[in-house]
């Protein structure tokens, strides 16, 4: 993800969910997945105790794959 896009996600997060358009709602899903997946292997106060088991890792991978299907221009 382009670092500039992270700022867009933060701006969109200030809206109430029911005020978001379809694109912004997809962004929120992607941003939540990114936030969950990025907690691994960091040694900070919040994430140092994160420990993903195989089932959780498989779920994160499956959700990522599902979202990639929604990327415009992807696939055949």
Protein backbone atom coordinates (compact mmCIF):
# COMPACT_ATOMS: atom_id res chain seq x y z
CA UNK A 1 0.00 0.00 0.00
CA UNK A 2 1.22 3.46 -0.85
CA UNK A 3 2.09 5.35 2.39
CA UNK A 4 -0.04 8.25 1.18
CA UNK A 5 -3.03 5.95 1.07
CA UNK A 6 -2.68 5.23 4.79
CA UNK A 7 -3.44 8.89 5.43
CA UNK A 8 -6.58 8.60 3.32
CA UNK A 9 -7.68 5.66 5.43
CA UNK A 10 -7.20 7.67 8.59
CA UNK A 11 -9.25 10.53 7.17
CA UNK A 12 -12.00 8.09 6.16
CA UNK A 13 -11.94 6.54 9.63
CA UNK A 14 -13.22 9.83 11.05
CA UNK A 15 -16.53 9.31 9.25
CA UNK A 16 -19.28 7.29 10.82
CA UNK A 17 -19.70 3.94 9.11
CA UNK A 18 -23.15 4.80 7.81
CA UNK A 19 -21.70 7.91 6.10
CA UNK A 20 -19.15 5.95 4.05
CA UNK A 21 -19.64 5.18 0.39
CA UNK A 22 -19.00 1.70 -1.01
CA UNK A 23 -15.31 2.37 -1.74
CA UNK A 24 -14.73 3.74 1.75
CA UNK A 25 -16.41 0.69 3.28
CA UNK A 26 -14.09 -1.62 1.35
CA UNK A 27 -11.19 0.55 2.55
CA UNK A 28 -12.26 0.06 6.15
CA UNK A 29 -12.28 -3.71 5.72
CA UNK A 30 -8.82 -3.63 4.13
CA UNK A 31 -7.48 -1.27 6.79
CA UNK A 32 -8.77 -3.48 9.61
CA UNK A 33 -7.17 -6.55 8.04
CA UNK A 34 -3.89 -4.66 7.59
CA UNK A 35 -3.97 -3.55 11.23
CA UNK A 36 -4.56 -7.07 12.49
CA UNK A 37 -1.88 -8.63 10.29
CA UNK A 38 0.74 -6.01 11.16
CA UNK A 39 0.69 -6.82 14.85
CA UNK A 40 2.90 -9.85 14.36
CA UNK A 41 6.55 -9.89 15.38
CA UNK A 42 6.74 -6.39 16.78
CA UNK A 43 8.25 -5.73 20.17
CA UNK A 44 6.27 -2.71 21.33
CA UNK A 45 4.02 -2.29 24.34
CA UNK A 46 0.82 -3.17 22.49
CA UNK A 47 1.88 -5.97 20.14
CA UNK A 48 4.71 -7.68 22.03
CA UNK A 49 2.34 -10.37 23.32
CA UNK A 50 0.59 -11.03 19.99
CA UNK A 51 0.85 -14.67 19.04
CA UNK A 52 -0.96 -15.93 15.95
CA UNK A 53 -1.76 -19.63 15.78
CA UNK A 54 -2.04 -21.48 12.48
CA UNK A 55 -5.82 -21.05 12.27
CA UNK A 56 -5.55 -17.28 12.71
CA UNK A 57 -2.74 -17.06 10.15
CA UNK A 58 -4.81 -19.06 7.66
CA UNK A 59 -7.78 -16.76 8.26
CA UNK A 60 -5.66 -13.64 7.62
CA UNK A 61 -4.29 -15.18 4.42
CA UNK A 62 -7.76 -16.20 3.24
CA UNK A 63 -9.17 -12.72 3.91
CA UNK A 64 -6.26 -11.13 2.08
CA UNK A 65 -6.80 -13.42 -0.91
CA UNK A 66 -10.52 -12.62 -0.91
CA UNK A 67 -9.86 -8.87 -0.88
CA UNK A 68 -7.38 -9.18 -3.72
CA UNK A 69 -10.19 -10.54 -5.87
CA UNK A 70 -11.87 -7.15 -5.44
CA UNK A 71 -8.90 -5.15 -6.77
CA UNK A 72 -9.83 -3.46 -10.03
CA UNK A 73 -7.83 -4.76 -12.95
CA UNK A 74 -6.89 -8.01 -11.18
CA UNK A 75 -7.67 -11.37 -12.67
CA UNK A 76 -8.88 -12.20 -16.16
